[in-house]
């Protein structure tokens, strides 16, 4: 076992997560595809192997340190980019049914290729704006867990993500810097979108020591009909008072 994999598996073991040979092979193939496709299109600024394992794979899986994935049946990842955090989570917890939404068709093409190459089942990658996809009956108020990783400020993210969460479900926003200011700003959007902050967590990446914050927002009731507003509006006019 090489050093990167040894480090990675030891770090996950601290959190009672053990990976089998197949899962490790899937992650390694994912890394190879990421680097290969990154030469043709901009997927990530991080391509060095150690860094991908820490800043993409470990960072994605870190959500499972705080949210019991075995309890969750399905997951929607909004603005997934190159597949983070949903695909590493799917590899580690294969029972999850996963929806990935991204507005760039080229990225969706990459994600579909990864899913096929890794032999992942029950993963749907949808090209579209979150605001439009959340209006479709099959996705609205449906998911036990919804994630977004460093996509936008929380007041905007709430409108992108909470419409996908089923009442009683959870939206986990994965952020870098401290959330205090964003949480204050997001107060009105939470009221409007029937969400309530239930937990906040912070961790540091083991090698790099950069901060990560995860905010868990519980969905209290179905999404009001007027939300999300039309595509582009949440970013231009966030729900803030």
Protein backbone atom coordinates (compact mmCIF):
# COMPACT_ATOMS: atom_id res chain seq x y z
CA UNK A 1 0.00 0.00 0.00
CA UNK A 2 1.47 3.34 -0.98
CA UNK A 3 1.87 6.23 1.45
CA UNK A 4 -1.08 8.29 0.21
CA UNK A 5 -3.50 5.38 0.57
CA UNK A 6 -2.04 4.40 3.92
CA UNK A 7 -2.45 7.94 5.25
CA UNK A 8 -5.97 8.18 3.82
CA UNK A 9 -7.20 4.86 5.25
CA UNK A 10 -5.65 5.61 8.65
CA UNK A 11 -7.38 9.00 8.79
CA UNK A 12 -10.75 7.44 7.94
CA UNK A 13 -10.21 4.63 10.45
CA UNK A 14 -10.06 7.26 13.20
CA UNK A 15 -13.74 7.88 12.35
CA UNK A 16 -14.64 4.17 12.12
CA UNK A 17 -14.75 4.19 8.33
CA UNK A 18 -13.08 1.21 6.65
CA UNK A 19 -12.75 0.82 2.89
CA UNK A 20 -12.40 -2.45 0.99
CA UNK A 21 -10.17 -3.05 -2.04
CA UNK A 22 -12.96 -2.28 -4.49
CA UNK A 23 -13.72 1.08 -2.88
CA UNK A 24 -10.05 2.04 -2.85
CA UNK A 25 -9.77 1.04 -6.51
CA UNK A 26 -12.84 3.16 -7.35
CA UNK A 27 -11.35 6.21 -5.63
CA UNK A 28 -8.03 5.74 -7.42
CA UNK A 29 -9.78 5.44 -10.80
CA UNK A 30 -11.82 8.54 -9.97
CA UNK A 31 -8.57 10.40 -9.29
CA UNK A 32 -7.14 9.26 -12.65
CA UNK A 33 -10.25 10.35 -14.55
CA UNK A 34 -10.29 13.70 -12.77
CA UNK A 35 -6.72 14.45 -13.86
CA UNK A 36 -7.28 13.11 -17.39
CA UNK A 37 -10.45 15.14 -18.02
CA UNK A 38 -9.04 18.20 -16.28
CA UNK A 39 -6.66 18.62 -19.21
CA UNK A 40 -9.65 19.11 -21.52
CA UNK A 41 -11.92 21.13 -19.23
CA UNK A 42 -11.65 23.02 -15.97
CA UNK A 43 -12.80 20.64 -13.22
CA UNK A 44 -10.40 21.46 -10.41
CA UNK A 45 -7.30 23.49 -9.59
CA UNK A 46 -6.16 20.58 -7.40
CA UNK A 47 -4.57 17.72 -9.33
CA UNK A 48 -1.62 16.56 -7.20
CA UNK A 49 -2.54 13.09 -5.91
CA UNK A 50 -1.98 13.69 -2.17
CA UNK A 51 -3.97 16.92 -2.41
CA UNK A 52 -6.89 15.30 -4.27
CA UNK A 53 -7.10 12.60 -1.60
CA UNK A 54 -7.09 15.18 1.18
CA UNK A 55 -8.91 18.22 -0.22
CA UNK A 56 -11.46 16.40 -2.34
CA UNK A 57 -11.90 12.81 -1.13
CA UNK A 58 -11.27 13.15 2.62
CA UNK A 59 -13.03 16.52 2.69
CA UNK A 60 -16.11 15.05 0.97
CA UNK A 61 -16.25 11.99 3.21
CA UNK A 62 -15.84 14.16 6.33
CA UNK A 63 -19.58 14.85 6.22
CA UNK A 64 -20.05 11.24 7.39
CA UNK A 65 -18.11 12.03 10.59
CA UNK A 66 -21.12 14.11 11.70
CA UNK A 67 -24.12 12.77 9.76
CA UNK A 68 -24.98 9.06 9.98
CA UNK A 69 -24.95 8.04 6.30
CA UNK A 70 -26.15 4.53 7.07
CA UNK A 71 -29.43 6.11 8.21
CA UNK A 72 -29.87 8.05 4.97
CA UNK A 73 -31.54 6.48 1.96
CA UNK A 74 -30.92 9.20 -0.61
CA UNK A 75 -28.75 12.24 -1.21
CA UNK A 76 -28.92 15.23 -3.56
CA UNK A 77 -25.75 17.20 -4.32
CA UNK A 78 -26.42 20.67 -5.70
CA UNK A 79 -23.76 22.41 -7.81
CA UNK A 80 -21.60 19.34 -7.54
CA UNK A 81 -18.82 20.45 -9.88
CA UNK A 82 -16.49 17.48 -10.32
CA UNK A 83 -18.67 15.29 -8.07
CA UNK A 84 -17.85 16.49 -4.56
CA UNK A 85 -19.03 15.51 -2.01
CA UNK A 86 -21.55 13.10 -3.54
CA UNK A 87 -19.38 10.63 -5.45
CA UNK A 88 -16.82 9.92 -2.69
CA UNK A 89 -19.79 9.49 -0.31
CA UNK A 90 -21.49 7.13 -2.79
CA UNK A 91 -18.29 5.06 -3.08
CA UNK A 92 -18.02 4.75 0.71
CA UNK A 93 -21.77 4.24 1.25
CA UNK A 94 -22.95 2.35 -1.84
CA UNK A 95 -26.56 2.02 -0.62
CA UNK A 96 -27.19 5.76 -1.17
CA UNK A 97 -29.39 6.81 -4.08
CA UNK A 98 -27.72 9.94 -5.43
CA UNK A 99 -28.94 12.90 -7.45
CA UNK A 100 -26.30 15.31 -8.79
CA UNK A 101 -27.38 18.66 -10.19
CA UNK A 102 -24.99 20.90 -12.11
CA UNK A 103 -25.60 23.77 -14.52
CA UNK A 104 -22.68 22.92 -16.83
CA UNK A 105 -23.40 20.14 -19.29
CA UNK A 106 -19.71 19.35 -19.81
CA UNK A 107 -19.36 18.58 -16.11
CA UNK A 108 -22.44 16.37 -16.22
CA UNK A 109 -20.78 14.50 -19.10
CA UNK A 110 -17.70 13.94 -16.95
CA UNK A 111 -19.78 12.77 -13.97
CA UNK A 112 -21.76 10.31 -16.08
CA UNK A 113 -18.49 8.91 -17.41
CA UNK A 114 -17.10 8.50 -13.88
CA UNK A 115 -20.29 6.77 -12.69
CA UNK A 116 -20.11 4.35 -15.62
CA UNK A 117 -16.36 3.68 -15.28
CA UNK A 118 -16.65 3.01 -11.54
CA UNK A 119 -19.73 0.83 -11.94
CA UNK A 120 -21.82 2.97 -9.56
CA UNK A 121 -25.55 2.29 -9.51
CA UNK A 122 -28.47 4.54 -8.59
CA UNK A 123 -26.69 7.79 -9.45
CA UNK A 124 -28.56 10.32 -11.57
CA UNK A 125 -26.68 13.31 -12.96
CA UNK A 126 -28.99 16.10 -14.13
CA UNK A 127 -28.00 19.10 -16.21
CA UNK A 128 -29.86 22.21 -15.09
CA UNK A 129 -30.07 25.16 -12.73
CA UNK A 130 -30.97 24.19 -9.18
CA UNK A 131 -33.91 26.61 -9.25
CA UNK A 132 -35.43 24.84 -12.28
CA UNK A 133 -34.72 21.26 -11.19
CA UNK A 134 -36.22 21.91 -7.73
CA UNK A 135 -39.53 22.75 -9.42
CA UNK A 136 -39.80 19.23 -10.89
CA UNK A 137 -42.16 17.07 -8.84
CA UNK A 138 -39.83 14.04 -8.72
CA UNK A 139 -37.08 16.04 -6.99
CA UNK A 140 -38.99 18.55 -4.85
CA UNK A 141 -39.23 17.89 -1.09
CA UNK A 142 -37.80 14.41 -1.70
CA UNK A 143 -34.29 13.97 -0.26
CA UNK A 144 -33.30 12.92 3.25
CA UNK A 145 -29.94 14.65 2.84
CA UNK A 146 -28.96 17.48 0.51
CA UNK A 147 -25.40 18.79 0.23
CA UNK A 148 -23.56 21.67 -1.36
CA UNK A 149 -19.86 22.29 -1.03
CA UNK A 150 -18.52 25.85 -1.24
CA UNK A 151 -21.08 26.90 -3.86
CA UNK A 152 -22.39 30.27 -2.59
CA UNK A 153 -23.25 32.18 0.57
CA UNK A 154 -25.72 30.46 2.86
CA UNK A 155 -28.61 32.85 2.17
CA UNK A 156 -28.35 31.82 -1.51
CA UNK A 157 -27.59 28.16 -0.83
CA UNK A 158 -30.72 27.80 1.26
CA UNK A 159 -32.85 28.69 -1.76
CA UNK A 160 -30.85 26.38 -4.02
CA UNK A 161 -30.92 23.41 -1.66
CA UNK A 162 -33.80 23.43 0.83
CA UNK A 163 -36.47 22.89 -1.87
CA UNK A 164 -34.92 19.45 -2.52
CA UNK A 165 -35.04 18.40 1.16
CA UNK A 166 -37.99 16.40 2.39
CA UNK A 167 -39.72 17.68 5.56
CA UNK A 168 -37.75 16.23 8.46
CA UNK A 169 -34.67 15.87 6.25
CA UNK A 170 -31.36 17.70 6.39
CA UNK A 171 -29.41 20.18 4.29
CA UNK A 172 -25.68 20.09 5.06
CA UNK A 173 -23.78 23.12 3.79
CA UNK A 174 -20.04 22.43 3.59
CA UNK A 175 -18.01 25.61 3.87
CA UNK A 176 -14.45 26.78 4.37
CA UNK A 177 -14.32 29.83 6.60
CA UNK A 178 -16.29 30.52 9.75
CA UNK A 179 -20.04 30.78 9.31
CA UNK A 180 -21.10 33.27 11.98
CA UNK A 181 -21.72 36.19 9.62
CA UNK A 182 -23.35 34.03 6.93
CA UNK A 183 -25.68 32.45 9.46
CA UNK A 184 -26.87 35.83 10.63
CA UNK A 185 -27.44 36.91 7.04
CA UNK A 186 -29.29 33.64 6.28
CA UNK A 187 -31.84 34.07 9.04
CA UNK A 188 -34.62 35.41 6.81
CA UNK A 189 -34.06 32.80 4.07
CA UNK A 190 -34.32 30.03 6.68
CA UNK A 191 -37.69 31.34 7.87
CA UNK A 192 -38.98 31.68 4.31
CA UNK A 193 -37.76 28.22 3.23
CA UNK A 194 -38.86 26.37 6.37
CA UNK A 195 -35.39 25.55 7.64
CA UNK A 196 -33.78 25.67 11.07
CA UNK A 197 -30.11 25.34 11.97
CA UNK A 198 -29.83 22.14 14.00
CA UNK A 199 -26.06 21.61 14.34
CA UNK A 200 -22.74 23.15 13.37
CA UNK A 201 -19.44 21.33 13.15
CA UNK A 202 -15.88 22.30 12.42
CA UNK A 203 -12.78 20.33 11.56
CA UNK A 204 -9.36 20.87 10.09
CA UNK A 205 -7.91 18.94 7.18
CA UNK A 206 -5.29 16.63 8.74
CA UNK A 207 -2.23 17.71 6.72
CA UNK A 208 -3.05 21.12 5.43
CA UNK A 209 -4.85 22.19 8.62
CA UNK A 210 -7.27 24.43 6.73
CA UNK A 211 -10.61 25.00 8.45
CA UNK A 212 -13.85 23.39 7.35
CA UNK A 213 -17.31 24.19 8.67
CA UNK A 214 -20.46 22.17 8.19
CA UNK A 215 -23.86 23.61 9.00
CA UNK A 216 -26.79 21.20 9.27
CA UNK A 217 -30.20 22.68 8.59
CA UNK A 218 -33.35 20.75 9.36
CA UNK A 219 -36.34 21.10 7.00
CA UNK A 220 -39.45 21.81 9.05
CA UNK A 221 -42.17 21.75 6.38
CA UNK A 222 -42.77 21.52 2.62
CA UNK A 223 -41.30 24.27 0.42
CA UNK A 224 -43.71 27.19 -0.13
CA UNK A 225 -44.96 27.30 -3.73
CA UNK A 226 -43.21 30.58 -4.58
CA UNK A 227 -39.73 29.07 -4.00
CA UNK A 228 -37.27 28.71 -5.49
CA UNK A 229 -37.63 31.90 -7.52
CA UNK A 230 -36.71 31.85 -11.18
CA UNK A 231 -33.18 30.87 -12.22
CA UNK A 232 -30.61 33.57 -11.51
CA UNK A 233 -32.76 35.51 -9.01
CA UNK A 234 -31.39 33.95 -5.77
CA UNK A 235 -27.84 34.99 -6.67
CA UNK A 236 -28.83 38.50 -7.79
CA UNK A 237 -31.35 39.14 -5.01
CA UNK A 238 -30.64 36.84 -2.05
CA UNK A 239 -33.39 36.39 0.55
CA UNK A 240 -31.97 38.78 3.12
CA UNK A 241 -33.66 41.35 5.33
